[in-house]
Amino acid sequence: GKDIMRSLGQTWKVLPAAKKAVYERKALVEAKTYDNFFKTAPLQLLFEAEDRKEKKYMMKRFEELGRLPKRPPISGYALYISRQKGNPRLSPPENLKLFAQKYQKLSEIEKAGLTEEVRIMKEGYENRMHQLLNP
């Protein structure tokens, strides 16, 4: 597998621009065809997907195209973290550590409010999914 990919990569590097252009045009046409499929495909395809990875990918594509609602965060903590703006001078793990420390300092009432907000978001998401998948 890796040897084949490496060989193809080397061949691609030395291919003249005119020949590359032919393949790049074909790739663009295929990408548009693929996007159009997801724009028009019935959402019931999700039920037909047997593979979990395939189903997860399809859901993500439908979400990206706005055909399915975005999934809500899994917890109040996840909601809190998603709303934080990181310090660009810190690494992502350092920012996450800082956010976790800030979250720990929230009052129980604030944490309960986040949890309730997530519950409402999940409820809305489930209702919308039910409407979309059971017309």
Protein backbone atom coordinates (compact mmCIF):
# COMPACT_ATOMS: atom_id res chain seq x y z
CA GLY A 1 0.00 0.00 0.00
CA LYS A 2 2.61 2.57 1.06
CA ASP A 3 4.99 1.56 -1.75
CA ILE A 4 2.27 2.03 -4.35
CA MET A 5 1.35 5.45 -2.96
CA ARG A 6 5.01 6.49 -2.86
CA SER A 7 5.50 5.35 -6.46
CA LEU A 8 2.38 7.21 -7.62
CA GLY A 9 3.52 10.33 -5.79
CA GLN A 10 6.91 10.23 -7.51
CA THR A 11 5.26 9.70 -10.90
CA TRP A 12 2.93 12.64 -10.26
CA LYS A 13 5.86 14.94 -9.39
CA VAL A 14 7.49 14.40 -12.80
CA LEU A 15 4.28 14.45 -14.84
CA PRO A 16 4.09 17.46 -17.20
CA ALA A 17 1.63 20.21 -16.23
CA ALA A 18 -0.55 19.56 -19.29
CA LYS A 19 -1.06 15.92 -18.31
CA LYS A 20 -1.71 16.86 -14.67
CA ALA A 21 -4.37 19.33 -15.83
CA VAL A 22 -6.35 16.51 -17.46
CA TYR A 23 -6.50 14.57 -14.19
CA GLU A 24 -7.19 17.68 -12.13
CA ARG A 25 -10.19 18.56 -14.34
CA LYS A 26 -11.52 15.01 -13.99
CA ALA A 27 -11.09 15.25 -10.22
CA LEU A 28 -13.05 18.51 -10.13
CA VAL A 29 -15.89 16.97 -12.13
CA GLU A 30 -15.96 13.95 -9.82
CA ALA A 31 -15.92 16.17 -6.72
CA LYS A 32 -18.89 18.15 -8.03
CA THR A 33 -20.75 14.94 -8.84
CA TYR A 34 -20.03 13.67 -5.33
CA ASP A 35 -21.23 16.93 -3.74
CA ASN A 36 -24.38 16.89 -5.87
CA PHE A 37 -25.07 13.35 -4.70
CA PHE A 38 -25.07 14.48 -1.06
CA LYS A 39 -27.14 17.55 -1.90
CA THR A 40 -29.92 15.42 -3.36
CA ALA A 41 -29.56 11.98 -1.73
CA PRO A 42 -32.41 10.93 0.57
CA LEU A 43 -31.54 11.15 4.26
CA GLN A 44 -32.86 7.61 4.65
CA LEU A 45 -29.48 6.47 3.28
CA LEU A 46 -28.27 6.82 6.86
CA PHE A 47 -30.42 3.83 7.81
CA GLU A 48 -29.00 1.76 4.97
CA ALA A 49 -25.36 2.33 5.95
CA GLU A 50 -24.09 -0.86 7.55
CA ASP A 51 -20.64 0.40 8.47
CA ARG A 52 -20.40 2.82 11.43
CA LYS A 53 -17.61 4.82 9.77
CA GLU A 54 -19.65 5.16 6.59
CA LYS A 55 -22.71 6.33 8.53
CA LYS A 56 -20.64 8.81 10.55
CA TYR A 57 -19.09 10.19 7.36
CA MET A 58 -22.49 10.55 5.67
CA MET A 59 -23.90 12.35 8.72
CA LYS A 60 -20.94 14.73 8.70
CA ARG A 61 -21.41 15.49 4.97
CA PHE A 62 -25.14 16.06 5.43
CA GLU A 63 -24.37 18.39 8.38
CA GLU A 64 -21.77 20.32 6.34
CA LEU A 65 -24.32 20.85 3.58
CA GLY A 66 -26.94 22.02 6.09
CA ARG A 67 -29.23 19.06 5.41
CA LEU A 68 -28.94 17.83 8.99
CA PRO A 69 -28.68 19.94 12.13
CA LYS A 70 -25.30 20.18 13.81
CA ARG A 71 -25.00 17.82 16.75
CA PRO A 72 -25.07 19.48 20.16
CA PRO A 73 -22.17 19.20 22.62
CA ILE A 74 -22.20 16.11 24.83
CA SER A 75 -22.04 18.00 28.13
CA GLY A 76 -22.11 21.38 29.80
CA TYR A 77 -18.34 21.19 30.09
CA ALA A 78 -17.99 20.56 26.32
CA LEU A 79 -20.30 23.51 25.64
CA TYR A 80 -18.24 25.74 27.91
CA ILE A 81 -14.97 24.68 26.22
CA SER A 82 -16.42 25.23 22.73
CA ARG A 83 -17.25 28.84 23.61
CA GLN A 84 -13.79 29.74 24.87
CA LYS A 85 -11.31 31.75 22.83
CA GLY A 86 -7.79 30.42 23.11
CA ASN A 87 -4.69 32.47 23.69
CA PRO A 88 -2.71 32.27 20.43
CA ARG A 89 0.55 32.36 22.39
CA LEU A 90 -0.35 29.12 24.18
CA SER A 91 -0.43 25.63 22.70
CA PRO A 92 -3.84 23.92 22.38
CA PRO A 93 -3.17 21.64 25.39
CA GLU A 94 -2.15 24.65 27.48
CA ASN A 95 -5.31 26.51 26.46
CA LEU A 96 -7.43 23.47 27.31
CA LYS A 97 -5.80 23.23 30.73
CA LEU A 98 -6.55 26.94 31.30
CA PHE A 99 -10.20 26.47 30.23
CA ALA A 100 -10.57 23.47 32.54
CA GLN A 101 -9.27 25.53 35.46
CA LYS A 102 -11.72 28.34 34.63
CA TYR A 103 -14.57 25.81 34.39
CA GLN A 104 -13.70 24.41 37.82
CA LYS A 105 -14.06 27.93 39.26
CA LEU A 106 -17.63 28.29 37.94
CA SER A 107 -20.39 28.12 40.51
CA GLU A 108 -22.65 25.07 40.63
CA ILE A 109 -25.49 27.28 39.36
CA GLU A 110 -23.45 28.29 36.29
CA LYS A 111 -22.53 24.66 35.63
CA ALA A 112 -26.16 23.60 36.02
CA GLY A 113 -27.16 26.34 33.56
CA LEU A 114 -24.73 24.95 30.97
CA THR A 115 -26.03 21.43 31.55
CA GLU A 116 -29.62 22.63 31.11
CA GLU A 117 -28.67 24.49 27.93
CA VAL A 118 -27.16 21.29 26.51
CA ARG A 119 -30.29 19.33 27.48
CA ILE A 120 -32.44 21.84 25.56
CA MET A 121 -30.06 21.73 22.58
CA LYS A 122 -30.18 17.91 22.54
CA GLU A 123 -33.95 17.92 22.75
CA GLY A 124 -34.19 20.34 19.82
CA TYR A 125 -31.68 18.28 17.84
CA GLU A 126 -33.56 15.03 18.45
CA ASN A 127 -36.88 16.62 17.49
CA ARG A 128 -35.42 18.08 14.29
CA MET A 129 -33.77 14.75 13.37
CA HIS A 130 -37.06 12.94 13.95
CA GLN A 131 -38.85 15.41 11.66
CA LEU A 132 -36.23 15.06 8.94
CA LEU A 133 -35.93 11.28 9.04
CA ASN A 134 -39.64 10.51 9.53
CA PRO A 135 -41.48 12.85 7.15
